Amino acid sequence: TCRVCHAVMDPVAGLFKNWSHAGQYRDRDWMVCGEDTGNPNYNQSLCVRPPGYRGEERPVDDEYRSLQWLGERLATDERFALSTIQVLVKGLVGDSPVLVPTDRNAFEYEAQLRAHLAQAAFFKNTQDRFINNGYNLKGSIKDVLKGPYFRAKGASAPDALLRDELLVGNVGRGRI
């Protein structure tokens, strides 16, 4: 039903209640859920979720800085750090994250799974260092440049990795 998605989206949407559809800040208390929008599907009983993020309600004192409050939570969400690392790798190396293989009967399933797990471990280690270093992007850039998915032009991959071409299919593709 609609409620499943709206349980996640409505609290976040409620943080935007002082912003119009045109992006203009409305300085008085606008009750988006309390307004009769003229929509025949409008149902006041669906508008009961208070503004918040991931189960945490926005404090009343932060009502007029709702988006700043949301930004503070988004920036400390581990998913933000992981996404940052994935975007960084994509930008520097040029490859998207290796997806989890879905066809267990595929000829190269095991190699693809190992490639995914190896990259996921690299992302997790780099993500942890990013968080532990106070979200310092410079350190993460160094981690990616020194990592197995980037190499200077003319450098060679370690011989042990060359045994499984699928595992290293994307290793060293980034160039300076």
Protein backbone atom coordinates (compact mmCIF):
# COMPACT_ATOMS: atom_id res chain seq x y z
CA THR A 1 0.00 0.00 0.00
CA CYS A 2 0.94 3.66 -0.10
CA ARG A 3 1.70 3.75 3.61
CA VAL A 4 4.91 1.71 3.28
CA CYS A 5 6.75 4.33 1.23
CA HIS A 6 5.04 7.28 2.85
CA ALA A 7 6.23 6.13 6.29
CA VAL A 8 9.76 6.97 5.06
CA MET A 9 9.03 9.94 2.78
CA ASP A 10 6.44 11.92 4.75
CA PRO A 11 8.64 12.79 7.75
CA VAL A 12 11.37 14.04 5.40
CA ALA A 13 8.80 15.91 3.27
CA GLY A 14 7.48 17.54 6.44
CA LEU A 15 10.90 19.17 6.89
CA PHE A 16 10.26 21.11 3.66
CA LYS A 17 6.88 22.50 4.76
CA ASN A 18 8.07 26.12 4.78
CA TRP A 19 9.23 25.92 1.17
CA SER A 20 6.88 26.49 -1.77
CA HIS A 21 6.84 24.38 -4.93
CA ALA A 22 8.84 27.22 -6.55
CA GLY A 23 11.61 27.00 -3.94
CA GLN A 24 10.62 30.15 -2.04
CA TYR A 25 10.81 30.18 1.73
CA ARG A 26 7.47 30.85 3.43
CA ASP A 27 8.10 32.52 6.77
CA ARG A 28 4.79 31.72 8.39
CA ASP A 29 3.66 28.36 9.66
CA TRP A 30 2.27 26.55 6.65
CA MET A 31 0.42 23.34 7.35
CA VAL A 32 0.74 21.36 4.16
CA CYS A 33 -1.08 18.37 5.65
CA GLY A 34 -3.82 20.55 7.08
CA GLU A 35 -4.71 22.28 3.83
CA ASP A 36 -7.56 21.13 1.63
CA THR A 37 -5.71 20.96 -1.66
CA GLY A 38 -8.80 20.27 -3.71
CA ASN A 39 -7.41 16.86 -4.59
CA PRO A 40 -10.22 14.29 -4.43
CA ASN A 41 -7.72 11.73 -3.09
CA TYR A 42 -6.64 14.00 -0.20
CA ASN A 43 -7.02 12.27 3.14
CA GLN A 44 -6.17 14.14 6.38
CA SER A 45 -5.75 10.86 8.27
CA LEU A 46 -2.63 10.08 6.20
CA CYS A 47 -0.93 13.27 7.41
CA VAL A 48 -0.05 12.26 10.93
CA ARG A 49 3.69 11.68 10.71
CA PRO A 50 5.76 14.43 12.32
CA PRO A 51 8.76 15.86 10.44
CA GLY A 52 11.93 13.84 11.00
CA TYR A 53 14.52 11.47 9.62
CA ARG A 54 14.95 7.72 10.13
CA GLY A 55 12.67 7.58 13.15
CA GLU A 56 14.06 10.70 14.84
CA GLU A 57 11.56 13.54 15.12
CA ARG A 58 12.77 17.05 14.49
CA PRO A 59 12.69 19.01 17.75
CA VAL A 60 10.13 21.81 17.91
CA ASP A 61 12.95 24.29 18.62
CA ASP A 62 14.45 23.47 15.20
CA GLU A 63 11.25 24.15 13.26
CA TYR A 64 12.68 27.14 11.38
CA ARG A 65 15.94 25.38 10.58
CA SER A 66 14.45 22.08 9.46
CA LEU A 67 16.66 21.65 6.40
CA GLN A 68 19.81 22.38 8.37
CA TRP A 69 18.66 19.80 10.92
CA LEU A 70 18.14 17.28 8.08
CA GLY A 71 21.53 18.08 6.56
CA GLU A 72 23.25 17.40 9.88
CA ARG A 73 21.68 13.94 9.96
CA LEU A 74 22.33 13.15 6.30
CA ALA A 75 25.99 14.08 6.59
CA THR A 76 26.53 11.65 9.47
CA ASP A 77 24.61 8.78 7.88
CA GLU A 78 26.98 5.95 6.92
CA ARG A 79 25.18 5.70 3.58
CA PHE A 80 26.32 9.26 2.79
CA ALA A 81 29.94 8.27 3.39
CA LEU A 82 29.62 5.14 1.24
CA SER A 83 27.93 7.09 -1.55
CA THR A 84 30.69 9.70 -1.39
CA ILE A 85 33.36 7.02 -1.80
CA GLN A 86 31.48 5.38 -4.68
CA VAL A 87 31.13 8.72 -6.49
CA LEU A 88 34.80 9.44 -5.85
CA VAL A 89 35.87 6.08 -7.33
CA LYS A 90 33.55 6.59 -10.31
CA GLY A 91 35.00 10.06 -10.91
CA LEU A 92 38.66 9.11 -10.55
CA VAL A 93 38.60 5.60 -12.02
CA GLY A 94 35.66 5.87 -14.38
CA ASP A 95 33.90 2.67 -13.34
CA SER A 96 30.63 2.14 -11.51
CA PRO A 97 30.58 -0.17 -8.49
CA VAL A 98 30.62 -3.89 -9.34
CA LEU A 99 27.10 -5.19 -8.82
CA VAL A 100 26.29 -8.37 -6.95
CA PRO A 101 25.89 -11.10 -9.58
CA THR A 102 22.40 -12.54 -9.62
CA ASP A 103 22.67 -15.60 -11.88
CA ARG A 104 24.30 -18.34 -9.79
CA ASN A 105 24.44 -20.54 -12.89
CA ALA A 106 26.46 -18.05 -14.95
CA PHE A 107 29.90 -19.30 -16.01
CA GLU A 108 31.73 -16.42 -14.32
CA TYR A 109 29.46 -16.14 -11.25
CA GLU A 110 32.19 -17.01 -8.70
CA ALA A 111 34.68 -14.59 -10.22
CA GLN A 112 32.08 -11.80 -10.38
CA LEU A 113 31.12 -12.45 -6.77
CA ARG A 114 34.79 -12.29 -5.67
CA ALA A 115 35.22 -9.07 -7.65
CA HIS A 116 32.15 -7.58 -5.97
CA LEU A 117 33.27 -8.67 -2.50
CA ALA A 118 36.80 -7.35 -3.04
CA GLN A 119 35.47 -3.98 -4.19
CA ALA A 120 32.89 -3.86 -1.37
CA ALA A 121 35.71 -4.46 1.15
CA PHE A 122 37.74 -1.65 -0.45
CA PHE A 123 34.71 0.67 -0.30
CA LYS A 124 34.04 -0.24 3.34
CA ASN A 125 37.67 0.34 4.40
CA THR A 126 37.80 3.64 2.52
CA GLN A 127 34.40 4.65 3.94
CA ASP A 128 35.56 3.89 7.50
CA ARG A 129 38.74 5.93 7.00
CA PHE A 130 36.66 8.80 5.55
CA ILE A 131 34.42 8.81 8.65
CA ASN A 132 37.31 8.37 11.10
CA ASN A 133 39.24 11.21 9.46
CA GLY A 134 36.36 13.64 10.03
CA TYR A 135 34.99 13.38 6.48
CA ASN A 136 38.25 14.69 5.03
CA LEU A 137 37.90 14.13 1.30
CA LYS A 138 41.60 14.68 0.63
CA GLY A 139 42.46 11.53 2.55
CA SER A 140 39.86 9.55 0.62
CA ILE A 141 41.22 10.81 -2.69
CA LYS A 142 44.66 9.54 -1.63
CA ASP A 143 43.13 6.19 -0.61
CA VAL A 144 41.50 5.78 -4.03
CA LEU A 145 44.65 6.83 -5.90
CA LYS A 146 46.74 4.36 -3.89
CA GLY A 147 44.10 1.64 -4.09
CA PRO A 148 43.85 -1.31 -6.47
CA TYR A 149 41.38 0.36 -8.83
CA PHE A 150 43.70 3.15 -9.94
CA ARG A 151 47.26 3.09 -11.17
CA ALA A 152 49.66 5.41 -12.87
CA LYS A 153 50.05 4.95 -16.61
CA GLY A 154 52.45 2.11 -17.30
CA ALA A 155 52.23 0.50 -13.85
CA SER A 156 51.48 -3.21 -13.72
CA ALA A 157 49.11 -5.16 -11.50
CA PRO A 158 50.58 -7.67 -9.02
CA ASP A 159 51.07 -11.12 -10.60
CA ALA A 160 48.80 -12.81 -8.03
CA LEU A 161 45.85 -10.75 -9.23
CA LEU A 162 46.45 -11.59 -12.88
CA ARG A 163 45.38 -15.21 -12.32
CA ASP A 164 41.74 -14.22 -12.36
CA GLU A 165 41.10 -11.83 -15.21
CA LEU A 166 37.52 -11.11 -14.17
CA LEU A 167 38.64 -10.19 -10.68
CA VAL A 168 41.06 -7.62 -12.05
CA GLY A 169 39.07 -6.67 -15.13
CA ASN A 170 38.63 -3.14 -13.80
CA VAL A 171 41.78 -2.91 -11.68
CA GLY A 172 44.15 -0.22 -12.80
CA ARG A 173 41.85 1.32 -15.40
CA GLY A 174 42.02 4.79 -13.88
CA ARG A 175 44.77 6.95 -15.31
CA ILE A 176 46.58 10.09 -14.20
